[in-house]
Amino acid sequence: MSIDAFDPWSAAFVARPYPAYAALREQAPVHHYAPTGQWLVSRYADVNALLRDRRLGRTYTHRFTHEEFGQPAPDPAHEPFHTLNDHGLLDLEGPDHTRIRRLVAKAFTPRMVESLRPTVRRLAGELVDGLLADGGGDLIAEVAEPLPVAVIAEMLGVPESDRHLLRPWSADITGMFELHPSEQTARRAVTASLEFSSYLRELIRRRRADPGPDLISALALAAEDGQVLSEQETVSTCVLLLNAGHEATVNTTGNGWLSLFRNPGELARLRGAVDELLPTAVEELMRYDTPLQMFERWVLDDIEVAGTRIPRGAEVALLFGSANHDPDRFTDPERLDLGRTDNPHLTFGAGIHFCLGAPLARMELTESYGALLRKAPGLTLRREPDWRPGYVIRGLEQLLVEI
């Protein structure tokens, strides 16, 4: 296959990107992709190294103006989205990232995450019971989507009556993370950013006046050496937890179950040893069909990757899906092996931007898969699904199943 098969706007490519990745790794591991002006980096070793390389950044504004960096300033009409996004951990660098991550970590502790397990287990069980009562249905809409939204809402302390607002806001905001989003997508993201921010500001003010056992209260009260999170930083952190937390979990659930249905031998193996295999199975399903296919970084100082010079001001596109299928790092990577133990996949990233919510995502996936495997051992695929048009955040439109 030719490297020209890499086409993130092609439905055929989005449905099956891995042959094109193999061509890139073999023929052009560092490839300038003219349609986006990015350098595609496809090999595991290079992606892993660049995630940890401080000569790259999620932003450049901590060191350069837009003019100095040779980039146009964002459209002023999109400012509400950028204000929300640019104050979140995922898009911060330097001392701001260190300060905010330390404060968030004081609130978002392993103990807090683990305390949610009974709630996650109960919610997963109730959602699967609903699917069973209906004799099947759309696994995405009925199990994969409601679970992480409900868990994060519970964690943040969002009242149950308001939780229906979260998923539409998140979907509109994350549309901006795709390549070349349209003006219509941008307008929806701006509206969602304004509405979500306004909602959270009011909730934060109430929690500051009357703290509870929720994460918003903990974030509002978190302090270290006299430093606290500003209101905007708290808002942006909450939005990031919802967006990153639920998009990855939803797509890992949907993509993972499709992978299991397409590999019936491995599904039977998992059903026969749920308790023993589930931990490695969750990791393998995240590797095998990665929910976040691409992670972008700006080049802050000239670098050289696999013998190719990439100048300051360029943007690299780190292909997580390709790195997770690199045969130089994974034995027989195109094979789904639910017992794979040597599995240092990059699905959660690496370096300072390693996913803060990884323990929560792993817990949700373990409880969701466990509930479906135990309660619905005869679960089958009704028909082949369609993929959503997005490539960066890659997932299914629906996954129709029968009990």
Protein backbone atom coordinates (compact mmCIF):
# COMPACT_ATOMS: atom_id res chain seq x y z
CA MET A 1 0.00 0.00 0.00
CA SER A 2 1.15 3.57 -0.73
CA ILE A 3 1.55 6.32 1.86
CA ASP A 4 -1.02 8.22 -0.23
CA ALA A 5 -3.63 6.01 1.43
CA PHE A 6 -3.33 8.26 4.51
CA ASP A 7 -6.45 10.41 4.08
CA PRO A 8 -8.15 11.50 7.31
CA TRP A 9 -11.22 12.77 5.42
CA SER A 10 -11.82 9.42 3.70
CA ALA A 11 -14.48 7.17 5.21
CA ALA A 12 -12.59 4.11 4.01
CA PHE A 13 -9.39 5.26 5.70
CA VAL A 14 -11.17 6.14 8.97
CA ALA A 15 -12.75 2.67 8.98
CA ARG A 16 -9.38 0.95 8.48
CA PRO A 17 -6.32 3.20 8.95
CA TYR A 18 -3.82 0.52 9.93
CA PRO A 19 -2.61 -0.57 6.45
CA ALA A 20 -1.82 3.07 5.63
CA TYR A 21 0.08 3.37 8.91
CA ALA A 22 2.17 0.32 8.00
CA ALA A 23 3.08 1.99 4.70
CA LEU A 24 4.10 5.18 6.53
CA ARG A 25 6.25 3.30 9.06
CA GLU A 26 8.03 1.38 6.30
CA GLN A 27 8.32 4.02 3.56
CA ALA A 28 8.22 7.44 5.25
CA PRO A 29 8.30 7.31 9.07
CA VAL A 30 8.54 11.13 9.13
CA HIS A 31 6.37 12.46 6.33
CA HIS A 32 5.29 16.01 5.48
CA TYR A 33 1.56 15.89 4.80
CA ALA A 34 0.71 18.80 2.55
CA PRO A 35 -3.09 18.97 3.15
CA THR A 36 -2.57 19.91 6.81
CA GLY A 37 1.04 21.17 6.67
CA GLN A 38 1.96 18.72 9.44
CA TRP A 39 4.80 16.24 9.81
CA LEU A 40 3.33 12.77 10.36
CA VAL A 41 5.37 10.67 12.81
CA SER A 42 4.36 7.01 12.74
CA ARG A 43 6.93 4.82 14.54
CA TYR A 44 6.58 3.94 18.23
CA ALA A 45 10.10 4.92 19.27
CA ASP A 46 9.80 8.36 17.65
CA VAL A 47 6.31 9.07 18.96
CA ASN A 48 7.29 7.97 22.48
CA ALA A 49 10.42 10.14 22.43
CA LEU A 50 8.66 13.23 21.08
CA LEU A 51 5.93 13.03 23.71
CA ARG A 52 8.68 13.54 26.30
CA ASP A 53 10.75 16.09 24.33
CA ARG A 54 10.50 19.58 25.81
CA ARG A 55 11.49 21.10 22.47
CA LEU A 56 7.89 20.47 21.51
CA GLY A 57 4.78 21.89 23.09
CA ARG A 58 1.03 21.73 22.97
CA THR A 59 1.18 25.50 22.68
CA TYR A 60 3.87 28.00 21.79
CA THR A 61 2.42 31.15 23.36
CA HIS A 62 4.46 30.68 26.54
CA ARG A 63 7.55 31.45 24.44
CA PHE A 64 6.46 33.25 21.27
CA THR A 65 3.83 35.58 19.92
CA HIS A 66 1.77 34.33 17.00
CA GLU A 67 3.73 36.62 14.70
CA GLU A 68 7.11 35.43 15.99
CA PHE A 69 6.05 31.83 15.48
CA GLY A 70 4.71 32.45 11.99
CA GLN A 71 1.15 31.50 12.87
CA PRO A 72 -2.05 33.51 12.46
CA ALA A 73 -3.80 34.65 15.61
CA PRO A 74 -7.02 32.76 16.39
CA ASP A 75 -10.24 34.20 15.02
CA PRO A 76 -11.59 36.64 17.68
CA ALA A 77 -15.06 35.19 17.12
CA HIS A 78 -13.76 31.87 18.50
CA GLU A 79 -12.32 33.42 21.68
CA PRO A 80 -14.71 31.72 24.17
CA PHE A 81 -13.59 28.29 22.94
CA HIS A 82 -9.89 29.20 23.08
CA THR A 83 -10.18 30.75 26.55
CA LEU A 84 -11.79 27.55 27.81
CA ASN A 85 -9.39 25.23 25.99
CA ASP A 86 -6.17 27.16 26.59
CA HIS A 87 -6.57 27.11 30.39
CA GLY A 88 -6.87 23.33 30.53
CA LEU A 89 -4.00 21.02 31.46
CA LEU A 90 -3.86 19.41 28.04
CA ASP A 91 -2.90 22.66 26.29
CA LEU A 92 -0.66 24.26 28.90
CA GLU A 93 3.13 24.24 29.10
CA GLY A 94 5.85 25.44 31.42
CA PRO A 95 5.22 26.63 34.96
CA ASP A 96 1.45 27.01 34.48
CA HIS A 97 1.09 23.33 33.60
CA THR A 98 3.22 22.26 36.57
CA ARG A 99 1.31 24.48 39.01
CA ILE A 100 -2.17 23.47 37.83
CA ARG A 101 -1.40 19.75 37.55
CA ARG A 102 -0.04 19.76 41.09
CA LEU A 103 -3.16 21.49 42.41
CA VAL A 104 -5.53 19.25 40.44
CA ALA A 105 -3.65 16.16 41.65
CA LYS A 106 -4.29 17.26 45.24
CA ALA A 107 -8.02 17.04 44.54
CA PHE A 108 -8.16 14.26 41.94
CA THR A 109 -6.44 11.68 44.13
CA PRO A 110 -6.19 7.89 43.67
CA ARG A 111 -8.25 7.56 46.83
CA MET A 112 -11.03 9.73 45.37
CA VAL A 113 -10.99 7.72 42.14
CA GLU A 114 -11.10 4.39 43.98
CA SER A 115 -13.95 5.63 46.15
CA LEU A 116 -16.03 5.85 42.97
CA ARG A 117 -15.72 2.12 42.20
CA PRO A 118 -18.98 1.05 43.89
CA THR A 119 -20.81 3.80 42.00
CA VAL A 120 -19.17 2.84 38.68
CA ARG A 121 -20.00 -0.84 39.26
CA ARG A 122 -23.61 -0.04 40.12
CA LEU A 123 -24.11 2.26 37.13
CA ALA A 124 -22.51 -0.22 34.72
CA GLY A 125 -24.72 -3.01 36.05
CA GLU A 126 -27.88 -0.92 35.75
CA LEU A 127 -27.08 0.10 32.18
CA VAL A 128 -26.38 -3.49 31.14
CA ASP A 129 -29.62 -4.61 32.86
CA GLY A 130 -31.46 -2.06 30.72
CA LEU A 131 -29.87 -3.43 27.57
CA LEU A 132 -30.85 -6.96 28.64
CA ALA A 133 -34.44 -5.92 29.32
CA ASP A 134 -34.68 -4.54 25.78
CA GLY A 135 -33.20 -7.69 24.28
CA GLY A 136 -30.31 -5.66 22.90
CA GLY A 137 -29.96 -2.30 21.18
CA ASP A 138 -27.25 0.26 20.56
CA LEU A 139 -24.36 -0.53 22.88
CA ILE A 140 -22.91 2.96 22.33
CA ALA A 141 -26.06 4.91 23.25
CA GLU A 142 -27.28 2.58 25.99
CA VAL A 143 -24.06 1.66 27.82
CA ALA A 144 -20.87 3.24 26.47
CA GLU A 145 -22.02 6.87 26.46
CA PRO A 146 -24.13 7.11 29.63
CA LEU A 147 -21.58 5.47 31.95
CA PRO A 148 -18.62 7.90 31.80
CA VAL A 149 -20.90 10.95 31.67
CA ALA A 150 -22.75 9.75 34.77
CA VAL A 151 -19.50 8.93 36.57
CA ILE A 152 -17.86 12.28 35.84
CA ALA A 153 -21.06 14.13 36.72
CA GLU A 154 -21.17 12.23 40.01
CA MET A 155 -17.52 13.01 40.63
CA LEU A 156 -17.92 16.72 39.87
CA GLY A 157 -21.16 16.99 41.83
CA VAL A 158 -23.40 17.95 38.89
CA PRO A 159 -27.04 17.49 39.95
CA GLU A 160 -28.78 14.60 38.21
CA SER A 161 -31.39 16.96 36.74
CA ASP A 162 -28.64 18.78 34.79
CA ARG A 163 -26.65 15.82 33.49
CA HIS A 164 -28.44 15.65 30.16
CA LEU A 165 -26.69 18.93 29.25
CA LEU A 166 -23.15 17.55 29.49
CA ARG A 167 -22.88 15.17 26.54
CA PRO A 168 -24.12 17.71 23.90
CA TRP A 169 -21.77 20.40 25.26
CA SER A 170 -18.85 18.01 25.19
CA ALA A 171 -19.61 16.74 21.66
CA ASP A 172 -19.77 20.31 20.31
CA ILE A 173 -16.52 21.37 22.00
CA THR A 174 -14.51 18.33 20.93
CA GLY A 175 -15.50 18.91 17.31
CA MET A 176 -12.76 21.57 17.29
CA PHE A 177 -10.08 18.93 17.83
CA GLU A 178 -10.59 17.47 14.35
CA LEU A 179 -8.46 18.51 11.39
CA HIS A 180 -9.65 21.71 9.69
CA PRO A 181 -12.96 22.10 11.57
CA SER A 182 -15.63 24.02 9.67
CA GLU A 183 -16.96 27.43 10.69
CA GLN A 184 -20.23 25.75 11.64
CA THR A 185 -18.30 23.41 13.98
CA ALA A 186 -16.50 26.42 15.45
CA ARG A 187 -19.76 28.26 16.10
CA ARG A 188 -21.22 25.25 17.88
CA ALA A 189 -18.05 24.96 19.98
CA VAL A 190 -18.21 28.64 20.93
CA THR A 191 -21.85 28.37 22.00
CA ALA A 192 -21.16 25.22 24.02
CA SER A 193 -18.07 26.82 25.62
CA LEU A 194 -20.10 29.85 26.75
CA GLU A 195 -23.00 27.78 28.09
CA PHE A 196 -20.85 25.15 29.81
CA SER A 197 -18.56 27.79 31.35
CA SER A 198 -21.50 29.80 32.66
CA TYR A 199 -23.06 26.70 34.17
CA LEU A 200 -19.83 25.65 35.88
CA ARG A 201 -19.07 29.14 37.22
CA GLU A 202 -22.38 29.17 39.05
CA LEU A 203 -21.79 25.64 40.36
CA ILE A 204 -18.28 26.59 41.54
CA ARG A 205 -19.60 29.65 43.40
CA ARG A 206 -22.17 27.49 45.19
CA ARG A 207 -19.54 24.89 46.13
CA ARG A 208 -17.15 27.55 47.45
CA ALA A 209 -19.92 28.84 49.71
CA ASP A 210 -21.10 25.36 50.70
CA PRO A 211 -18.44 22.70 49.94
CA GLY A 212 -19.43 19.07 49.49
CA PRO A 213 -17.58 15.75 48.99
CA ASP A 214 -17.29 16.34 45.22
CA LEU A 215 -14.35 17.22 42.97
CA ILE A 216 -15.52 20.76 42.21
CA SER A 217 -15.45 21.51 45.94
CA ALA A 218 -12.00 19.93 46.23
CA LEU A 219 -10.69 21.92 43.25
CA ALA A 220 -12.16 25.15 44.59
CA LEU A 221 -10.45 24.59 47.93
CA ALA A 222 -7.15 23.07 46.69
CA ALA A 223 -4.13 25.16 47.69
CA GLU A 224 -0.38 24.74 47.95
CA ASP A 225 2.16 27.36 49.08
CA GLY A 226 -0.53 30.00 48.82
CA GLN A 227 -1.42 29.04 45.23
CA VAL A 228 -4.97 28.21 44.21
CA LEU A 229 -6.76 27.54 40.94
CA SER A 230 -8.40 30.57 39.41
CA GLU A 231 -12.07 30.28 38.52
CA GLN A 232 -11.20 29.95 34.82
CA GLU A 233 -8.64 27.24 35.56
CA THR A 234 -11.21 25.35 37.61
CA VAL A 235 -13.81 25.64 34.82
CA SER A 236 -11.32 24.50 32.17
CA THR A 237 -10.20 21.55 34.33
CA CYS A 238 -13.78 20.36 34.83
CA VAL A 239 -14.52 20.60 31.10
CA LEU A 240 -11.33 18.74 30.24
CA LEU A 241 -12.19 15.94 32.67
CA LEU A 242 -15.56 15.50 30.99
CA ASN A 243 -14.36 15.81 27.39
CA ALA A 244 -11.22 13.70 27.65
CA GLY A 245 -12.73 11.27 30.13
CA HIS A 246 -15.87 10.38 28.29
CA GLU A 247 -14.68 10.53 24.67
CA ALA A 248 -11.85 8.06 25.29
CA THR A 249 -13.99 5.69 27.35
CA VAL A 250 -16.94 5.73 24.95
CA ASN A 251 -14.77 4.98 21.93
CA THR A 252 -12.65 2.36 23.68
CA THR A 253 -15.86 0.57 24.67
CA GLY A 254 -17.40 0.70 21.19
CA ASN A 255 -14.20 0.04 19.22
CA GLY A 256 -13.20 -2.66 21.67
CA TRP A 257 -16.45 -4.60 21.43
CA LEU A 258 -16.30 -4.43 17.64
CA SER A 259 -12.78 -5.86 17.83
CA LEU A 260 -14.04 -8.67 20.07
CA PHE A 261 -16.90 -9.51 17.72
CA ARG A 262 -14.44 -9.63 14.81
CA ASN A 263 -12.14 -11.93 16.80
CA PRO A 264 -14.55 -14.57 18.16
CA GLY A 265 -11.76 -16.83 19.38
CA GLU A 266 -10.43 -14.10 21.68
CA LEU A 267 -13.95 -13.20 22.82
CA ALA A 268 -14.57 -16.83 23.77
CA ARG A 269 -11.22 -16.89 25.56
CA LEU A 270 -12.20 -13.79 27.56
CA ARG A 271 -15.65 -15.13 28.41
CA GLY A 272 -14.04 -18.27 29.75
CA ALA A 273 -11.69 -16.40 32.09
CA VAL A 274 -13.15 -12.97 32.81
CA ASP A 275 -11.48 -12.36 36.17
CA GLU A 276 -8.03 -13.50 35.02
CA LEU A 277 -7.96 -11.87 31.59
CA LEU A 278 -9.91 -8.64 32.05
CA PRO A 279 -6.99 -6.43 33.19
CA THR A 280 -4.77 -7.32 30.23
CA ALA A 281 -7.77 -7.41 27.88
CA VAL A 282 -8.63 -3.77 28.65
CA GLU A 283 -5.05 -2.70 27.92
CA GLU A 284 -4.96 -4.72 24.69
CA LEU A 285 -8.27 -3.31 23.44
CA MET A 286 -6.95 0.22 24.03
CA ARG A 287 -3.84 -0.63 22.03
CA TYR A 288 -5.52 -2.59 19.26
CA ASP A 289 -7.98 0.11 18.16
CA THR A 290 -6.87 3.35 19.73
CA PRO A 291 -9.63 5.94 20.43
CA LEU A 292 -7.32 8.98 19.98
CA GLN A 293 -5.49 8.44 16.71
CA MET A 294 -3.47 11.65 16.51
CA PHE A 295 -1.89 14.02 19.05
CA GLU A 296 -0.44 17.28 17.77
CA ARG A 297 2.57 19.22 19.01
CA TRP A 298 4.30 22.45 17.95
CA VAL A 299 8.05 22.39 17.32
CA LEU A 300 9.55 25.09 19.58
CA ASP A 301 13.18 24.49 18.57
CA ASP A 302 14.62 22.76 15.52
CA ILE A 303 14.61 18.97 15.91
CA GLU A 304 15.70 15.95 13.91
CA VAL A 305 13.56 12.82 13.81
CA ALA A 306 14.71 9.64 12.03
CA GLY A 307 17.19 11.68 10.03
CA THR A 308 14.65 14.33 9.00
CA ARG A 309 15.06 17.93 10.15
CA ILE A 310 11.87 19.59 11.33
CA PRO A 311 12.17 23.36 11.84
CA ARG A 312 10.84 25.55 14.62
CA GLY A 313 7.32 26.67 13.85
CA ALA A 314 6.27 23.37 12.29
CA GLU A 315 3.60 21.09 13.72
CA VAL A 316 4.04 17.36 14.20
CA ALA A 317 1.17 14.89 14.19
CA LEU A 318 2.02 11.96 16.45
CA LEU A 319 0.09 8.95 15.15
CA PHE A 320 -0.87 7.00 18.27
CA GLY A 321 -2.76 4.37 16.30
CA SER A 322 0.31 3.68 14.18
CA ALA A 323 2.72 3.65 17.13
CA ASN A 324 0.50 1.13 18.90
CA HIS A 325 0.80 -1.20 15.88
CA ASP A 326 4.55 -0.88 15.36
CA PRO A 327 6.10 -4.36 14.98
CA ASP A 328 9.41 -3.00 16.25
CA ARG A 329 7.75 -2.64 19.66
CA PHE A 330 4.83 -5.09 19.74
CA THR A 331 5.05 -8.76 18.80
CA ASP A 332 2.55 -9.55 16.03
CA PRO A 333 0.78 -6.19 16.53
CA GLU A 334 -2.04 -6.87 14.06
CA ARG A 335 -3.20 -9.79 16.22
CA LEU A 336 -5.61 -9.17 19.07
CA ASP A 337 -4.07 -10.93 22.08
CA LEU A 338 -6.11 -10.36 25.22
CA GLY A 339 -3.40 -11.93 27.34
CA ARG A 340 -0.66 -9.62 26.06
CA THR A 341 1.50 -8.60 29.03
CA ASP A 342 4.30 -6.63 27.33
CA ASN A 343 2.01 -3.80 26.32
CA PRO A 344 3.39 -0.26 26.84
CA HIS A 345 0.80 1.32 24.54
CA LEU A 346 0.66 5.09 24.12
CA THR A 347 -3.11 5.44 24.30
CA PHE A 348 -2.85 7.67 27.40
CA GLY A 349 0.14 9.59 26.03
CA ALA A 350 3.46 10.03 27.83
CA GLY A 351 5.53 12.75 29.44
CA ILE A 352 4.05 15.70 31.30
CA HIS A 353 0.73 15.41 29.45
CA PHE A 354 0.18 11.76 30.36
CA CYS A 355 -3.56 11.39 30.96
CA LEU A 356 -4.41 12.37 34.53
CA GLY A 357 -7.65 10.40 34.28
CA ALA A 358 -6.04 7.10 33.20
CA PRO A 359 -6.90 5.30 36.49
CA LEU A 360 -10.54 6.38 36.22
CA ALA A 361 -10.75 5.33 32.56
CA ARG A 362 -9.29 1.92 33.37
CA MET A 363 -11.78 1.45 36.19
CA GLU A 364 -14.77 2.43 34.02
CA LEU A 365 -13.65 0.12 31.21
CA THR A 366 -13.03 -2.78 33.57
CA GLU A 367 -16.45 -2.43 35.19
CA SER A 368 -18.27 -1.89 31.87
CA TYR A 369 -16.65 -4.85 30.10
CA GLY A 370 -17.03 -6.98 33.21
CA ALA A 371 -20.76 -6.26 33.53
CA LEU A 372 -21.40 -7.05 29.86
CA LEU A 373 -19.31 -10.22 29.87
CA ARG A 374 -20.94 -11.59 33.02
CA LYS A 375 -24.54 -10.48 32.47
CA ALA A 376 -24.75 -10.89 28.69
CA PRO A 377 -22.54 -13.88 27.79
CA GLY A 378 -24.43 -14.38 24.52
CA LEU A 379 -23.99 -10.82 23.27
CA THR A 380 -23.68 -10.75 19.46
CA LEU A 381 -23.29 -8.11 16.77
CA ARG A 382 -26.49 -7.43 14.83
CA ARG A 383 -24.80 -5.74 11.84
CA GLU A 384 -21.57 -4.05 10.85
CA PRO A 385 -21.48 -0.49 12.18
CA ASP A 386 -20.62 2.81 10.50
CA TRP A 387 -17.75 4.99 11.72
CA ARG A 388 -18.26 8.60 12.66
CA PRO A 389 -16.59 10.99 10.19
CA GLY A 390 -14.02 12.28 12.70
CA TYR A 391 -10.50 10.85 12.51
CA VAL A 392 -8.59 12.35 15.45
CA ILE A 393 -11.19 11.15 17.97
CA ARG A 394 -12.23 7.94 16.21
CA GLY A 395 -15.35 6.01 17.11
CA LEU A 396 -18.53 4.35 15.92
CA GLU A 397 -21.88 5.95 15.13
CA GLN A 398 -23.61 3.04 16.87
CA LEU A 399 -23.04 -0.61 17.69
CA LEU A 400 -26.25 -2.64 17.41
CA VAL A 401 -26.19 -5.84 19.44
CA GLU A 402 -28.48 -8.72 20.38
CA ILE A 403 -28.57 -10.65 23.64
